C-alpha atoms as a PDB file:
ATOM      1  CA  MET A   1      52.923 152.671 118.858  1.00  0.00           C
ATOM      2  CA  PRO A   2      52.454 152.155 122.630  1.00  0.00           C
ATOM      3  CA  ALA A   3      55.717 152.660 124.516  1.00  0.00           C
ATOM      4  CA  ARG A   4      55.517 149.213 126.115  1.00  0.00           C
ATOM      5  CA  TRP A   5      55.752 147.560 122.674  1.00  0.00           C
ATOM      6  CA  ARG A   6      58.205 149.840 120.870  1.00  0.00           C
ATOM      7  CA  GLY A   7      61.291 147.737 121.533  1.00  0.00           C
ATOM      8  CA  LEU A   8      59.734 144.563 120.145  1.00  0.00           C
ATOM      9  CA  VAL A   9      58.163 146.286 117.146  1.00  0.00           C
ATOM     10  CA  ASP A  10      61.301 148.239 116.243  1.00  0.00           C
ATOM     11  CA  LEU A  11      63.539 145.182 116.460  1.00  0.00           C
ATOM     12  CA  SER A  12      61.055 143.046 114.538  1.00  0.00           C
ATOM     13  CA  VAL A  13      60.804 145.584 111.717  1.00  0.00           C
ATOM     14  CA  ASN A  14      64.590 145.876 111.466  1.00  0.00           C
ATOM     15  CA  GLY A  15      64.888 142.097 111.736  1.00  0.00           C
ATOM     16  CA  THR A  16      62.963 141.674 108.497  1.00  0.00           C
ATOM     17  CA  PHE A  17      66.237 142.592 106.768  1.00  0.00           C
ATOM     18  CA  TRP A  18      67.344 139.078 107.650  1.00  0.00           C
ATOM     19  CA  LEU A  19      64.115 137.635 106.288  1.00  0.00           C
ATOM     20  CA  GLY A  20      65.126 139.157 102.977  1.00  0.00           C
ATOM     21  CA  ALA A  21      68.636 137.761 103.397  1.00  0.00           C
ATOM     22  CA  ALA A  22      67.171 134.292 104.045  1.00  0.00           C
ATOM     23  CA  ILE A  23      64.980 134.544 100.951  1.00  0.00           C
ATOM     24  CA  GLY A  24      67.996 135.706  98.948  1.00  0.00           C
ATOM     25  CA  ALA A  25      70.084 132.810 100.244  1.00  0.00           C
ATOM     26  CA  ALA A  26      67.356 130.320  99.354  1.00  0.00           C
ATOM     27  CA  GLY A  27      67.002 131.920  95.937  1.00  0.00           C
ATOM     28  CA  SER A  28      70.735 131.697  95.273  1.00  0.00           C
ATOM     29  CA  ILE A  29      70.606 127.945  95.860  1.00  0.00           C
ATOM     30  CA  VAL A  30      68.251 127.710  92.898  1.00  0.00           C
ATOM     31  CA  LEU A  31      69.608 130.477  90.689  1.00  0.00           C
ATOM     32  CA  LEU A  32      73.252 129.404  91.006  1.00  0.00           C
ATOM     33  CA  ASP A  33      72.542 125.729  90.375  1.00  0.00           C
ATOM     34  CA  PRO A  34      74.338 124.979  87.074  1.00  0.00           C
ATOM     35  CA  ARG A  35      71.817 122.239  86.360  1.00  0.00           C
ATOM     36  CA  LEU A  36      69.019 124.824  86.202  1.00  0.00           C
ATOM     37  CA  PHE A  37      70.681 128.009  84.918  1.00  0.00           C
ATOM     38  CA  GLY A  38      73.868 128.802  83.078  1.00  0.00           C
ATOM     39  CA  ALA A  39      76.766 130.452  84.888  1.00  0.00           C
ATOM     40  CA  ASP A  40      76.100 133.694  82.997  1.00  0.00           C
ATOM     41  CA  THR A  41      72.351 133.702  83.697  1.00  0.00           C
ATOM     42  CA  GLY A  42      71.679 132.821  87.333  1.00  0.00           C
ATOM     43  CA  TRP A  43      73.386 135.816  88.954  1.00  0.00           C
ATOM     44  CA  ARG A  44      71.692 138.174  86.473  1.00  0.00           C
ATOM     45  CA  LEU A  45      68.300 136.808  87.477  1.00  0.00           C
ATOM     46  CA  ALA A  46      69.193 137.486  91.103  1.00  0.00           C
ATOM     47  CA  PHE A  47      69.811 141.144  90.255  1.00  0.00           C
ATOM     48  CA  VAL A  48      66.469 141.278  88.427  1.00  0.00           C
ATOM     49  CA  ILE A  49      64.707 140.044  91.572  1.00  0.00           C
ATOM     50  CA  GLY A  50      66.387 142.805  93.578  1.00  0.00           C
ATOM     51  CA  GLY A  51      65.176 145.382  91.071  1.00  0.00           C
ATOM     52  CA  LEU A  52      61.607 144.080  91.267  1.00  0.00           C
ATOM     53  CA  LEU A  53      61.675 144.386  95.054  1.00  0.00           C
ATOM     54  CA  GLY A  54      62.878 147.963  94.674  1.00  0.00           C
ATOM     55  CA  CYS A  55      59.895 148.730  92.422  1.00  0.00           C
ATOM     56  CA  PHE A  56      57.582 147.287  95.088  1.00  0.00           C
ATOM     57  CA  ILE A  57      59.089 149.605  97.718  1.00  0.00           C
ATOM     58  CA  ILE A  58      58.539 152.624  95.457  1.00  0.00           C
ATOM     59  CA  PHE A  59      54.863 151.661  95.292  1.00  0.00           C
ATOM     60  CA  LEU A  60      54.628 150.908  99.023  1.00  0.00           C
ATOM     61  CA  ARG A  61      56.067 154.273 100.105  1.00  0.00           C
ATOM     62  CA  ARG A  62      52.915 155.963  98.755  1.00  0.00           C
ATOM     63  CA  PHE A  63      51.079 154.582 101.795  1.00  0.00           C
ATOM     64  CA  VAL A  64      53.674 155.616 104.393  1.00  0.00           C
ATOM     65  CA  PRO A  65      52.933 159.049 105.946  1.00  0.00           C
ATOM     66  CA  GLU A  66      55.730 161.587 106.088  1.00  0.00           C
ATOM     67  CA  SER A  67      57.127 162.568 109.473  1.00  0.00           C
ATOM     68  CA  PRO A  68      55.156 165.572 110.831  1.00  0.00           C
ATOM     69  CA  ARG A  69      58.343 166.849 112.475  1.00  0.00           C
ATOM     70  CA  TRP A  70      60.164 166.778 109.122  1.00  0.00           C
ATOM     71  CA  LEU A  71      57.277 168.576 107.414  1.00  0.00           C
ATOM     72  CA  MET A  72      57.218 171.265 110.126  1.00  0.00           C
ATOM     73  CA  THR A  73      60.941 171.964 109.887  1.00  0.00           C
ATOM     74  CA  HIS A  74      60.714 172.136 106.084  1.00  0.00           C
ATOM     75  CA  GLY A  75      57.961 174.719 105.933  1.00  0.00           C
ATOM     76  CA  LYS A  76      54.952 172.458 105.432  1.00  0.00           C
ATOM     77  CA  PRO A  77      52.913 172.875 108.635  1.00  0.00           C
ATOM     78  CA  GLU A  78      49.565 172.293 106.889  1.00  0.00           C
ATOM     79  CA  GLU A  79      50.592 168.816 105.707  1.00  0.00           C
ATOM     80  CA  ALA A  80      51.982 168.006 109.169  1.00  0.00           C
ATOM     81  CA  GLU A  81      48.726 169.101 110.823  1.00  0.00           C
ATOM     82  CA  GLN A  82      46.689 166.956 108.424  1.00  0.00           C
ATOM     83  CA  ILE A  83      48.746 163.826 109.148  1.00  0.00           C
ATOM     84  CA  VAL A  84      48.465 164.319 112.912  1.00  0.00           C
ATOM     85  CA  ALA A  85      44.726 164.980 112.581  1.00  0.00           C
ATOM     86  CA  ASP A  86      44.275 161.741 110.623  1.00  0.00           C
ATOM     87  CA  ILE A  87      46.143 159.795 113.321  1.00  0.00           C
ATOM     88  CA  GLU A  88      44.058 161.339 116.088  1.00  0.00           C
ATOM     89  CA  THR A  89      40.832 160.643 114.204  1.00  0.00           C
ATOM     90  CA  GLY A  90      41.798 156.990 113.822  1.00  0.00           C
ATOM     91  CA  ILE A  91      42.513 156.713 117.566  1.00  0.00           C
ATOM     92  CA  ARG A  92      39.154 158.287 118.455  1.00  0.00           C
ATOM     93  CA  GLN A  93      37.278 155.905 116.171  1.00  0.00           C
ATOM     94  CA  ARG A  94      39.077 152.743 117.267  1.00  0.00           C
ATOM     95  CA  HIS A  95      38.960 153.395 121.008  1.00  0.00           C
ATOM     96  CA  ASN A  96      35.847 155.598 121.202  1.00  0.00           C
ATOM     97  CA  ILE A  97      37.599 158.224 123.310  1.00  0.00           C
ATOM     98  CA  GLU A  98      38.189 161.955 123.156  1.00  0.00           C
ATOM     99  CA  LEU A  99      41.757 163.185 123.168  1.00  0.00           C
ATOM    100  CA  PRO A 100      42.650 166.130 125.430  1.00  0.00           C
ATOM    101  CA  LEU A 101      43.307 169.376 123.609  1.00  0.00           C
ATOM    102  CA  HIS A 102      44.572 171.513 126.490  1.00  0.00           C
ATOM    103  CA  GLY A 103      47.148 171.195 129.242  1.00  0.00           C
ATOM    104  CA  LEU A 104      49.622 169.249 127.093  1.00  0.00           C
ATOM    105  CA  SER A 105      53.337 169.919 126.919  1.00  0.00           C
ATOM    106  CA  THR A 106      54.536 171.769 123.846  1.00  0.00           C
ATOM    107  CA  LEU A 107      57.537 171.492 121.564  1.00  0.00           C
ATOM    108  CA  THR A 108      59.042 174.333 119.548  1.00  0.00           C
ATOM    109  CA  LEU A 109      60.398 173.545 116.097  1.00  0.00           C
ATOM    110  CA  ARG A 110      62.361 175.923 113.906  1.00  0.00           C
ATOM    111  CA  ARG A 111      62.253 175.872 110.142  1.00  0.00           C
ATOM    112  CA  SER A 112      65.606 174.985 108.602  1.00  0.00           C
ATOM    113  CA  SER A 113      66.744 175.626 105.049  1.00  0.00           C
ATOM    114  CA  GLY A 114      69.639 173.209 105.393  1.00  0.00           C
ATOM    115  CA  THR A 115      72.065 171.533 107.757  1.00  0.00           C
ATOM    116  CA  SER A 116      75.574 172.949 107.885  1.00  0.00           C
ATOM    117  CA  LEU A 117      78.682 171.043 108.910  1.00  0.00           C
ATOM    118  CA  ARG A 118      79.159 173.539 111.735  1.00  0.00           C
ATOM    119  CA  TRP A 119      75.740 172.674 113.140  1.00  0.00           C
ATOM    120  CA  VAL A 120      76.513 168.945 112.859  1.00  0.00           C
ATOM    121  CA  ALA A 121      79.853 169.424 114.649  1.00  0.00           C
ATOM    122  CA  GLN A 122      78.223 171.399 117.455  1.00  0.00           C
ATOM    123  CA  SER A 123      75.555 168.735 117.902  1.00  0.00           C
ATOM    124  CA  LEU A 124      78.087 165.884 118.003  1.00  0.00           C
ATOM    125  CA  PHE A 125      80.931 167.405 119.984  1.00  0.00           C
ATOM    126  CA  VAL A 126      79.243 170.091 122.118  1.00  0.00           C
ATOM    127  CA  HIS A 127      75.552 169.468 122.773  1.00  0.00           C
ATOM    128  CA  HIS A 128      75.386 165.653 122.590  1.00  0.00           C
ATOM    129  CA  ARG A 129      78.930 164.380 123.208  1.00  0.00           C
ATOM    130  CA  ARG A 130      77.912 161.364 125.295  1.00  0.00           C
ATOM    131  CA  ARG A 131      75.212 160.283 122.846  1.00  0.00           C
ATOM    132  CA  ALA A 132      77.592 160.683 119.907  1.00  0.00           C
ATOM    133  CA  PHE A 133      80.259 158.580 121.619  1.00  0.00           C
ATOM    134  CA  LEU A 134      77.699 155.873 122.431  1.00  0.00           C
ATOM    135  CA  ALA A 135      76.394 155.847 118.860  1.00  0.00           C
ATOM    136  CA  VAL A 136      79.914 155.589 117.388  1.00  0.00           C
ATOM    137  CA  ALA A 137      80.794 152.786 119.820  1.00  0.00           C
ATOM    138  CA  LEU A 138      77.657 150.818 118.915  1.00  0.00           C
ATOM    139  CA  MET A 139      78.150 151.326 115.181  1.00  0.00           C
ATOM    140  CA  ALA A 140      81.829 150.337 115.350  1.00  0.00           C
ATOM    141  CA  THR A 141      80.939 147.237 117.335  1.00  0.00           C
ATOM    142  CA  GLN A 142      78.300 146.329 114.779  1.00  0.00           C
ATOM    143  CA  ALA A 143      80.889 146.752 112.030  1.00  0.00           C
ATOM    144  CA  PHE A 144      83.178 144.224 113.744  1.00  0.00           C
ATOM    145  CA  CYS A 145      80.475 141.766 114.836  1.00  0.00           C
ATOM    146  CA  TYR A 146      78.260 141.810 111.743  1.00  0.00           C
ATOM    147  CA  ASN A 147      79.605 143.618 108.709  1.00  0.00           C
ATOM    148  CA  ALA A 148      83.150 142.272 108.946  1.00  0.00           C
ATOM    149  CA  VAL A 149      81.806 138.716 109.168  1.00  0.00           C
ATOM    150  CA  PHE A 150      78.712 138.680 106.991  1.00  0.00           C
ATOM    151  CA  PHE A 151      80.053 140.824 104.148  1.00  0.00           C
ATOM    152  CA  THR A 152      82.954 138.421 103.559  1.00  0.00           C
ATOM    153  CA  TYR A 153      81.208 135.209 104.611  1.00  0.00           C
ATOM    154  CA  ALA A 154      80.779 133.880 101.076  1.00  0.00           C
ATOM    155  CA  LEU A 155      84.386 134.739 100.119  1.00  0.00           C
ATOM    156  CA  VAL A 156      85.764 132.922 103.175  1.00  0.00           C
ATOM    157  CA  LEU A 157      83.654 129.850 102.437  1.00  0.00           C
ATOM    158  CA  THR A 158      84.670 129.642  98.774  1.00  0.00           C
ATOM    159  CA  LYS A 159      88.327 130.697  99.043  1.00  0.00           C
ATOM    160  CA  PHE A 160      89.449 129.030 102.282  1.00  0.00           C
ATOM    161  CA  TYR A 161      86.992 126.173 102.757  1.00  0.00           C
ATOM    162  CA  GLY A 162      86.408 125.141  99.154  1.00  0.00           C
ATOM    163  CA  VAL A 163      82.620 125.505  99.301  1.00  0.00           C
ATOM    164  CA  PRO A 164      81.156 125.689  95.773  1.00  0.00           C
ATOM    165  CA  ALA A 165      79.522 129.051  95.033  1.00  0.00           C
ATOM    166  CA  ALA A 166      76.224 127.329  94.263  1.00  0.00           C
ATOM    167  CA  ARG A 167      76.099 125.945  97.832  1.00  0.00           C
ATOM    168  CA  VAL A 168      76.995 129.120  99.755  1.00  0.00           C
ATOM    169  CA  GLY A 169      73.289 129.840 100.202  1.00  0.00           C
ATOM    170  CA  TRP A 170      72.943 126.768 102.447  1.00  0.00           C
ATOM    171  CA  PHE A 171      75.463 128.327 104.850  1.00  0.00           C
ATOM    172  CA  ILE A 172      73.936 131.818 104.775  1.00  0.00           C
ATOM    173  CA  LEU A 173      70.375 130.537 105.273  1.00  0.00           C
ATOM    174  CA  PRO A 174      70.705 129.405 108.927  1.00  0.00           C
ATOM    175  CA  PHE A 175      72.799 132.517 109.656  1.00  0.00           C
ATOM    176  CA  ALA A 176      70.008 134.755 108.354  1.00  0.00           C
ATOM    177  CA  LEU A 177      67.219 132.797 110.055  1.00  0.00           C
ATOM    178  CA  GLY A 178      69.067 133.005 113.372  1.00  0.00           C
ATOM    179  CA  ASN A 179      69.346 136.782 113.039  1.00  0.00           C
ATOM    180  CA  LEU A 180      65.638 136.956 112.253  1.00  0.00           C
ATOM    181  CA  ALA A 181      64.741 134.820 115.278  1.00  0.00           C
ATOM    182  CA  GLY A 182      66.843 136.965 117.629  1.00  0.00           C
ATOM    183  CA  PRO A 183      64.632 140.092 117.531  1.00  0.00           C
ATOM    184  CA  LEU A 184      61.462 138.011 117.659  1.00  0.00           C
ATOM    185  CA  LEU A 185      62.601 136.019 120.712  1.00  0.00           C
ATOM    186  CA  LEU A 186      64.460 138.763 122.591  1.00  0.00           C
ATOM    187  CA  GLY A 187      62.584 141.859 121.464  1.00  0.00           C
ATOM    188  CA  ARG A 188      60.037 141.765 124.271  1.00  0.00           C
ATOM    189  CA  LEU A 189      62.858 141.795 126.841  1.00  0.00           C
ATOM    190  CA  PHE A 190      63.918 145.230 125.599  1.00  0.00           C
ATOM    191  CA  ASP A 191      60.542 146.500 126.822  1.00  0.00           C
ATOM    192  CA  THR A 192      60.428 144.557 130.097  1.00  0.00           C
ATOM    193  CA  VAL A 193      64.039 144.241 131.268  1.00  0.00           C
ATOM    194  CA  GLY A 194      65.030 147.559 129.716  1.00  0.00           C
ATOM    195  CA  ARG A 195      66.925 148.810 126.698  1.00  0.00           C
ATOM    196  CA  LYS A 196      70.155 149.707 128.494  1.00  0.00           C
ATOM    197  CA  ALA A 197      70.532 146.317 130.177  1.00  0.00           C
ATOM    198  CA  MET A 198      69.616 144.363 127.035  1.00  0.00           C
ATOM    199  CA  ILE A 199      71.852 146.361 124.701  1.00  0.00           C
ATOM    200  CA  ALA A 200      74.796 145.934 127.059  1.00  0.00           C
ATOM    201  CA  ALA A 201      74.115 142.213 127.524  1.00  0.00           C
ATOM    202  CA  THR A 202      73.600 141.386 123.847  1.00  0.00           C
ATOM    203  CA  TYR A 203      76.636 143.359 122.702  1.00  0.00           C
ATOM    204  CA  ALA A 204      78.809 141.775 125.399  1.00  0.00           C
ATOM    205  CA  LEU A 205      77.591 138.301 124.432  1.00  0.00           C
ATOM    206  CA  ALA A 206      78.211 139.011 120.736  1.00  0.00           C
ATOM    207  CA  GLY A 207      81.742 140.181 121.540  1.00  0.00           C
ATOM    208  CA  ALA A 208      82.469 137.065 123.589  1.00  0.00           C
ATOM    209  CA  LEU A 209      81.148 134.765 120.854  1.00  0.00           C
ATOM    210  CA  LEU A 210      83.126 136.592 118.167  1.00  0.00           C
ATOM    211  CA  THR A 211      86.293 136.324 120.245  1.00  0.00           C
ATOM    212  CA  THR A 212      85.701 132.589 120.731  1.00  0.00           C
ATOM    213  CA  THR A 213      85.111 132.176 116.997  1.00  0.00           C
ATOM    214  CA  GLY A 214      88.369 133.995 116.277  1.00  0.00           C
ATOM    215  CA  PHE A 215      90.298 131.634 118.545  1.00  0.00           C
ATOM    216  CA  LEU A 216      88.679 128.632 116.846  1.00  0.00           C
ATOM    217  CA  PHE A 217      89.657 129.948 113.416  1.00  0.00           C
ATOM    218  CA  ALA A 218      93.223 130.562 114.624  1.00  0.00           C
ATOM    219  CA  ALA A 219      93.368 126.992 115.915  1.00  0.00           C
ATOM    220  CA  GLY A 220      92.245 125.700 112.518  1.00  0.00           C
ATOM    221  CA  ASN A 221      88.841 124.438 113.698  1.00  0.00           C
END
């Protein structure tokens, strides 16, 4: 993937989670409708759909190449070389160019039989302290801004706002579509404006909006 498009592509791929959430929300509107399915049937059908999607992923993974780095570190250099060779062959054929074979920077990989907790601790707290702190801060922020809201969204709607369970999907649908539109509309800015500026701006905006929402809830609005 060209570097100038990686931000958009990565965000778009991850954003498809919300496409699935939107489809699930739309499906729940139908499956939980008591006029169409019994109360003991609709939710079971929803689980069946999830299982079918899982079977599709098992089939799809056959066409996804393994990471050459992972293969190298797990003692399978021949498979790694074959995958890289296939990628290079595809590039030569599509662009009708020859790739340079000499004068390139090199990377040394060591085979590992396992990952110990000591090695993990050294990586987090000695070699990559700043990166580890940043990752924890981003993950904790995501937990407050997304998981804490979305994971209990249906319970809040039914318990505190009296929304029937069969109609919760109508509330989740625009939420999911908005989260799908975000990466598609803003993803290109992560490649042009820059990842650092966009991550800081989007997280700050999410925090401000969540704080405003909290005040509105406290005021009974």
